[in-house]
Amino acid sequence: MDYWTKLRRIYKILAAVVGVILLGGCSISYQFSGTSIDYTQVRSISIKDFPNMAPLVYGPLAQRFTDELKDKFVRQTKLQMLRENGTLDLEGEITGYELTPQAVRDDGNKALAALTRLTVTVRVRYTNRVNPDKDFEQTFSSYKEFENSRTIDQVQEQLCREIIDDLVNQIYNATVADW
């Protein structure tokens, strides 16, 4: 091997080592908050309590729903939570808490429901004081089903937790997420 071939080989090895060192020392950081909030214009949000106006009432539902909705915005945005008159404003009420039979099975001479669906419906009024084009009034609903081998008292707390989580995500996405 002549001198120039050795020098080129050493140069290639050295370039590869330097490249690996440089790439290893770099890191790419990408943070996705899922929001389309311009924090220079939108600085606060107010979320009023959502009363339970449904004909069938589960006592803890209204407070848990309101608390989870507030927590979502506090955890995932930089918005300051105000009691009222935020740049963004959310208010509404729980309008439905319904149990409906689903899958029916034949049990001899009578038909029995094998599953029951718990559905929670919430009406939301959203006001955006910076961009009124985005204001809306909309109804959101979510449901979970449970087997009739269990009573609503046995599953209600867990089902409501899952339904509230889904409703909060729907409302968050409709108001500040940029999907």
C-alpha atoms as a PDB file:
ATOM      1  CA  MET A   1       0.000   0.000   0.000  1.00  0.00           C
ATOM      2  CA  ASP A   2       1.361   3.349  -0.920  1.00  0.00           C
ATOM      3  CA  TYR A   3       1.498   6.406   1.285  1.00  0.00           C
ATOM      4  CA  TRP A   4      -1.592   8.169  -0.219  1.00  0.00           C
ATOM      5  CA  THR A   5      -3.844   5.131   0.088  1.00  0.00           C
ATOM      6  CA  LYS A   6      -2.912   4.754   3.768  1.00  0.00           C
ATOM      7  CA  LEU A   7      -3.498   8.450   4.349  1.00  0.00           C
ATOM      8  CA  ARG A   8      -6.957   8.307   2.705  1.00  0.00           C
ATOM      9  CA  ARG A   9      -7.895   5.254   4.771  1.00  0.00           C
ATOM     10  CA  ILE A  10      -6.788   6.975   7.988  1.00  0.00           C
ATOM     11  CA  TYR A  11      -8.686  10.111   6.945  1.00  0.00           C
ATOM     12  CA  LYS A  12     -11.896   8.100   6.341  1.00  0.00           C
ATOM     13  CA  ILE A  13     -11.588   6.321   9.699  1.00  0.00           C
ATOM     14  CA  LEU A  14     -10.890   9.608  11.463  1.00  0.00           C
ATOM     15  CA  ALA A  15     -13.866  11.278   9.734  1.00  0.00           C
ATOM     16  CA  ALA A  16     -16.145   8.384  10.762  1.00  0.00           C
ATOM     17  CA  VAL A  17     -14.959   8.564  14.400  1.00  0.00           C
ATOM     18  CA  VAL A  18     -15.429  12.340  14.508  1.00  0.00           C
ATOM     19  CA  GLY A  19     -18.885  11.952  12.927  1.00  0.00           C
ATOM     20  CA  VAL A  20     -19.929   9.362  15.510  1.00  0.00           C
ATOM     21  CA  ILE A  21     -18.649  11.543  18.336  1.00  0.00           C
ATOM     22  CA  LEU A  22     -20.461  14.611  17.013  1.00  0.00           C
ATOM     23  CA  LEU A  23     -23.724  12.754  16.418  1.00  0.00           C
ATOM     24  CA  GLY A  24     -23.477  11.035  19.781  1.00  0.00           C
ATOM     25  CA  GLY A  25     -23.031  14.382  21.501  1.00  0.00           C
ATOM     26  CA  CYS A  26     -26.070  15.886  19.827  1.00  0.00           C
ATOM     27  CA  SER A  27     -29.573  15.243  20.913  1.00  0.00           C
ATOM     28  CA  ILE A  28     -32.804  16.150  19.299  1.00  0.00           C
ATOM     29  CA  SER A  29     -35.522  17.214  21.669  1.00  0.00           C
ATOM     30  CA  TYR A  30     -39.089  17.424  20.456  1.00  0.00           C
ATOM     31  CA  GLN A  31     -41.926  18.266  22.759  1.00  0.00           C
ATOM     32  CA  PHE A  32     -45.493  17.880  21.583  1.00  0.00           C
ATOM     33  CA  SER A  33     -48.047  19.544  23.804  1.00  0.00           C
ATOM     34  CA  GLY A  34     -50.930  19.004  21.419  1.00  0.00           C
ATOM     35  CA  THR A  35     -52.155  22.552  21.785  1.00  0.00           C
ATOM     36  CA  SER A  36     -52.641  25.407  19.378  1.00  0.00           C
ATOM     37  CA  ILE A  37     -52.495  28.131  22.021  1.00  0.00           C
ATOM     38  CA  ASP A  38     -50.726  31.409  21.289  1.00  0.00           C
ATOM     39  CA  TYR A  39     -49.519  32.187  24.810  1.00  0.00           C
ATOM     40  CA  THR A  40     -48.694  35.759  23.833  1.00  0.00           C
ATOM     41  CA  GLN A  41     -52.442  36.397  23.445  1.00  0.00           C
ATOM     42  CA  VAL A  42     -54.112  33.670  25.517  1.00  0.00           C
ATOM     43  CA  ARG A  43     -52.947  33.651  29.109  1.00  0.00           C
ATOM     44  CA  SER A  44     -55.811  32.359  31.228  1.00  0.00           C
ATOM     45  CA  ILE A  45     -58.792  30.051  31.368  1.00  0.00           C
ATOM     46  CA  SER A  46     -61.822  29.966  33.604  1.00  0.00           C
ATOM     47  CA  ILE A  47     -63.765  26.760  34.089  1.00  0.00           C
ATOM     48  CA  LYS A  48     -67.002  27.073  35.987  1.00  0.00           C
ATOM     49  CA  ASP A  49     -68.520  24.179  37.923  1.00  0.00           C
ATOM     50  CA  PHE A  50     -70.570  21.811  35.775  1.00  0.00           C
ATOM     51  CA  PRO A  51     -73.765  21.067  37.731  1.00  0.00           C
ATOM     52  CA  ASN A  52     -75.480  17.728  37.284  1.00  0.00           C
ATOM     53  CA  MET A  53     -78.831  18.434  35.616  1.00  0.00           C
ATOM     54  CA  ALA A  54     -79.412  14.836  34.472  1.00  0.00           C
ATOM     55  CA  PRO A  55     -82.679  13.162  35.485  1.00  0.00           C
ATOM     56  CA  LEU A  56     -80.658  10.322  37.091  1.00  0.00           C
ATOM     57  CA  VAL A  57     -77.915  11.648  39.369  1.00  0.00           C
ATOM     58  CA  TYR A  58     -74.708  10.054  40.629  1.00  0.00           C
ATOM     59  CA  GLY A  59     -73.635  12.336  43.485  1.00  0.00           C
ATOM     60  CA  PRO A  60     -69.860  12.619  42.999  1.00  0.00           C
ATOM     61  CA  LEU A  61     -70.036  12.966  39.192  1.00  0.00           C
ATOM     62  CA  ALA A  62     -70.307  16.761  38.880  1.00  0.00           C
ATOM     63  CA  GLN A  63     -67.411  17.567  41.208  1.00  0.00           C
ATOM     64  CA  ARG A  64     -65.152  14.866  39.788  1.00  0.00           C
ATOM     65  CA  PHE A  65     -65.853  15.954  36.219  1.00  0.00           C
ATOM     66  CA  THR A  66     -65.162  19.637  36.961  1.00  0.00           C
ATOM     67  CA  ASP A  67     -61.969  18.822  38.887  1.00  0.00           C
ATOM     68  CA  GLU A  68     -60.634  16.531  36.133  1.00  0.00           C
ATOM     69  CA  LEU A  69     -61.376  19.138  33.455  1.00  0.00           C
ATOM     70  CA  LYS A  70     -59.499  21.809  35.405  1.00  0.00           C
ATOM     71  CA  ASP A  71     -56.598  19.439  36.100  1.00  0.00           C
ATOM     72  CA  LYS A  72     -56.242  18.621  32.393  1.00  0.00           C
ATOM     73  CA  PHE A  73     -55.814  22.277  31.458  1.00  0.00           C
ATOM     74  CA  VAL A  74     -53.458  22.971  34.369  1.00  0.00           C
ATOM     75  CA  ARG A  75     -51.263  19.947  33.559  1.00  0.00           C
ATOM     76  CA  GLN A  76     -51.131  20.298  29.790  1.00  0.00           C
ATOM     77  CA  THR A  77     -51.118  24.047  29.195  1.00  0.00           C
ATOM     78  CA  LYS A  78     -49.390  27.102  30.610  1.00  0.00           C
ATOM     79  CA  LEU A  79     -52.726  28.859  31.117  1.00  0.00           C
ATOM     80  CA  GLN A  80     -53.455  30.489  34.448  1.00  0.00           C
ATOM     81  CA  MET A  81     -56.672  29.161  36.022  1.00  0.00           C
ATOM     82  CA  LEU A  82     -59.067  31.973  36.980  1.00  0.00           C
ATOM     83  CA  ARG A  83     -62.451  31.777  38.722  1.00  0.00           C
ATOM     84  CA  GLU A  84     -64.071  33.817  35.947  1.00  0.00           C
ATOM     85  CA  ASN A  85     -63.368  36.016  32.916  1.00  0.00           C
ATOM     86  CA  GLY A  86     -60.430  34.026  31.587  1.00  0.00           C
ATOM     87  CA  THR A  87     -59.255  34.597  28.038  1.00  0.00           C
ATOM     88  CA  LEU A  88     -60.804  31.193  27.424  1.00  0.00           C
ATOM     89  CA  ASP A  89     -63.990  30.272  29.262  1.00  0.00           C
ATOM     90  CA  LEU A  90     -65.644  26.877  29.711  1.00  0.00           C
ATOM     91  CA  GLU A  91     -69.016  26.325  31.296  1.00  0.00           C
ATOM     92  CA  GLY A  92     -71.883  23.926  30.986  1.00  0.00           C
ATOM     93  CA  GLU A  93     -73.765  21.155  32.694  1.00  0.00           C
ATOM     94  CA  ILE A  94     -74.072  17.408  32.846  1.00  0.00           C
ATOM     95  CA  THR A  95     -77.305  16.704  30.984  1.00  0.00           C
ATOM     96  CA  GLY A  96     -77.412  12.931  30.864  1.00  0.00           C
ATOM     97  CA  TYR A  97     -76.595   9.946  33.054  1.00  0.00           C
ATOM     98  CA  GLU A  98     -78.342   6.965  31.509  1.00  0.00           C
ATOM     99  CA  LEU A  99     -78.367   3.211  31.878  1.00  0.00           C
ATOM    100  CA  THR A 100     -79.591   1.321  28.806  1.00  0.00           C
ATOM    101  CA  PRO A 101     -79.757  -2.436  28.212  1.00  0.00           C
ATOM    102  CA  GLN A 102     -77.594  -3.651  25.330  1.00  0.00           C
ATOM    103  CA  ALA A 103     -76.901  -7.250  24.383  1.00  0.00           C
ATOM    104  CA  VAL A 104     -79.973  -9.387  24.992  1.00  0.00           C
ATOM    105  CA  ARG A 105     -79.713 -13.100  25.727  1.00  0.00           C
ATOM    106  CA  ASP A 106     -82.449 -15.685  25.834  1.00  0.00           C
ATOM    107  CA  ASP A 107     -82.842 -17.235  29.268  1.00  0.00           C
ATOM    108  CA  GLY A 108     -85.502 -19.880  28.704  1.00  0.00           C
ATOM    109  CA  ASN A 109     -88.834 -18.117  28.273  1.00  0.00           C
ATOM    110  CA  LYS A 110     -87.602 -14.596  28.922  1.00  0.00           C
ATOM    111  CA  ALA A 111     -85.103 -12.271  27.299  1.00  0.00           C
ATOM    112  CA  LEU A 112     -82.546 -10.674  29.634  1.00  0.00           C
ATOM    113  CA  ALA A 113     -79.998  -7.976  28.990  1.00  0.00           C
ATOM    114  CA  ALA A 114     -76.472  -9.343  29.174  1.00  0.00           C
ATOM    115  CA  LEU A 115     -74.862  -5.914  29.056  1.00  0.00           C
ATOM    116  CA  THR A 116     -75.831  -2.475  30.273  1.00  0.00           C
ATOM    117  CA  ARG A 117     -74.427   0.760  28.873  1.00  0.00           C
ATOM    118  CA  LEU A 118     -73.726   3.739  31.127  1.00  0.00           C
ATOM    119  CA  THR A 119     -73.732   6.968  29.105  1.00  0.00           C
ATOM    120  CA  VAL A 120     -72.804  10.411  30.405  1.00  0.00           C
ATOM    121  CA  THR A 121     -73.636  13.504  28.351  1.00  0.00           C
ATOM    122  CA  VAL A 122     -72.234  16.993  28.925  1.00  0.00           C
ATOM    123  CA  ARG A 123     -73.207  20.276  27.266  1.00  0.00           C
ATOM    124  CA  VAL A 124     -70.285  22.706  26.961  1.00  0.00           C
ATOM    125  CA  ARG A 125     -70.186  26.394  26.115  1.00  0.00           C
ATOM    126  CA  TYR A 126     -66.727  27.549  25.075  1.00  0.00           C
ATOM    127  CA  THR A 127     -65.805  31.206  24.721  1.00  0.00           C
ATOM    128  CA  ASN A 128     -62.524  32.391  23.229  1.00  0.00           C
ATOM    129  CA  ARG A 129     -62.179  36.136  23.888  1.00  0.00           C
ATOM    130  CA  VAL A 130     -59.187  36.439  21.525  1.00  0.00           C
ATOM    131  CA  ASN A 131     -60.692  34.524  18.621  1.00  0.00           C
ATOM    132  CA  PRO A 132     -64.531  34.520  18.859  1.00  0.00           C
ATOM    133  CA  ASP A 133     -64.734  32.446  15.635  1.00  0.00           C
ATOM    134  CA  LYS A 134     -63.762  29.462  17.779  1.00  0.00           C
ATOM    135  CA  ASP A 135     -66.641  29.878  20.266  1.00  0.00           C
ATOM    136  CA  PHE A 136     -69.067  26.963  20.377  1.00  0.00           C
ATOM    137  CA  GLU A 137     -71.826  25.252  22.269  1.00  0.00           C
ATOM    138  CA  GLN A 138     -71.600  21.503  21.854  1.00  0.00           C
ATOM    139  CA  THR A 139     -72.744  18.290  23.481  1.00  0.00           C
ATOM    140  CA  PHE A 140     -70.206  15.583  24.286  1.00  0.00           C
ATOM    141  CA  SER A 141     -71.001  12.061  25.404  1.00  0.00           C
ATOM    142  CA  SER A 142     -69.159   8.920  26.346  1.00  0.00           C
ATOM    143  CA  TYR A 143     -70.221   5.474  27.438  1.00  0.00           C
ATOM    144  CA  LYS A 144     -68.927   2.257  28.928  1.00  0.00           C
ATOM    145  CA  GLU A 145     -70.642  -1.104  29.097  1.00  0.00           C
ATOM    146  CA  PHE A 146     -70.690  -3.606  31.918  1.00  0.00           C
ATOM    147  CA  GLU A 147     -71.952  -7.148  32.314  1.00  0.00           C
ATOM    148  CA  ASN A 148     -75.179  -7.637  34.195  1.00  0.00           C
ATOM    149  CA  SER A 149     -73.531 -10.149  36.486  1.00  0.00           C
ATOM    150  CA  ARG A 150     -72.439  -6.992  38.348  1.00  0.00           C
ATOM    151  CA  THR A 151     -74.616  -4.198  39.696  1.00  0.00           C
ATOM    152  CA  ILE A 152     -74.212  -0.522  38.863  1.00  0.00           C
ATOM    153  CA  ASP A 153     -73.122   0.068  42.477  1.00  0.00           C
ATOM    154  CA  GLN A 154     -70.217  -2.336  41.932  1.00  0.00           C
ATOM    155  CA  VAL A 155     -68.957  -0.728  38.711  1.00  0.00           C
ATOM    156  CA  GLN A 156     -70.179   2.864  38.830  1.00  0.00           C
ATOM    157  CA  GLU A 157     -67.058   4.471  40.287  1.00  0.00           C
ATOM    158  CA  GLN A 158     -64.651   2.821  37.816  1.00  0.00           C
ATOM    159  CA  LEU A 159     -66.922   3.408  34.809  1.00  0.00           C
ATOM    160  CA  CYS A 160     -67.412   7.069  35.729  1.00  0.00           C
ATOM    161  CA  ARG A 161     -63.652   7.531  36.072  1.00  0.00           C
ATOM    162  CA  GLU A 162     -63.132   6.143  32.542  1.00  0.00           C
ATOM    163  CA  ILE A 163     -66.046   8.115  31.079  1.00  0.00           C
ATOM    164  CA  ILE A 164     -64.896  11.359  32.696  1.00  0.00           C
ATOM    165  CA  ASP A 165     -61.398  10.823  31.320  1.00  0.00           C
ATOM    166  CA  ASP A 166     -62.794  10.361  27.816  1.00  0.00           C
ATOM    167  CA  LEU A 167     -65.107  13.387  28.074  1.00  0.00           C
ATOM    168  CA  VAL A 168     -62.295  15.605  29.368  1.00  0.00           C
ATOM    169  CA  ASN A 169     -60.079  14.548  26.448  1.00  0.00           C
ATOM    170  CA  GLN A 170     -62.866  15.247  23.947  1.00  0.00           C
ATOM    171  CA  ILE A 171     -63.444  18.727  25.378  1.00  0.00           C
ATOM    172  CA  TYR A 172     -59.720  19.502  25.571  1.00  0.00           C
ATOM    173  CA  ASN A 173     -59.246  18.458  21.946  1.00  0.00           C
ATOM    174  CA  ALA A 174     -62.237  20.509  20.800  1.00  0.00           C
ATOM    175  CA  THR A 175     -61.029  23.646  22.556  1.00  0.00           C
ATOM    176  CA  VAL A 176     -57.226  23.900  22.424  1.00  0.00           C
ATOM    177  CA  ALA A 177     -55.785  20.881  20.622  1.00  0.00           C
ATOM    178  CA  ASP A 178     -54.633  21.350  17.064  1.00  0.00           C
ATOM    179  CA  TRP A 179     -55.421  18.020  15.387  1.00  0.00           C
END
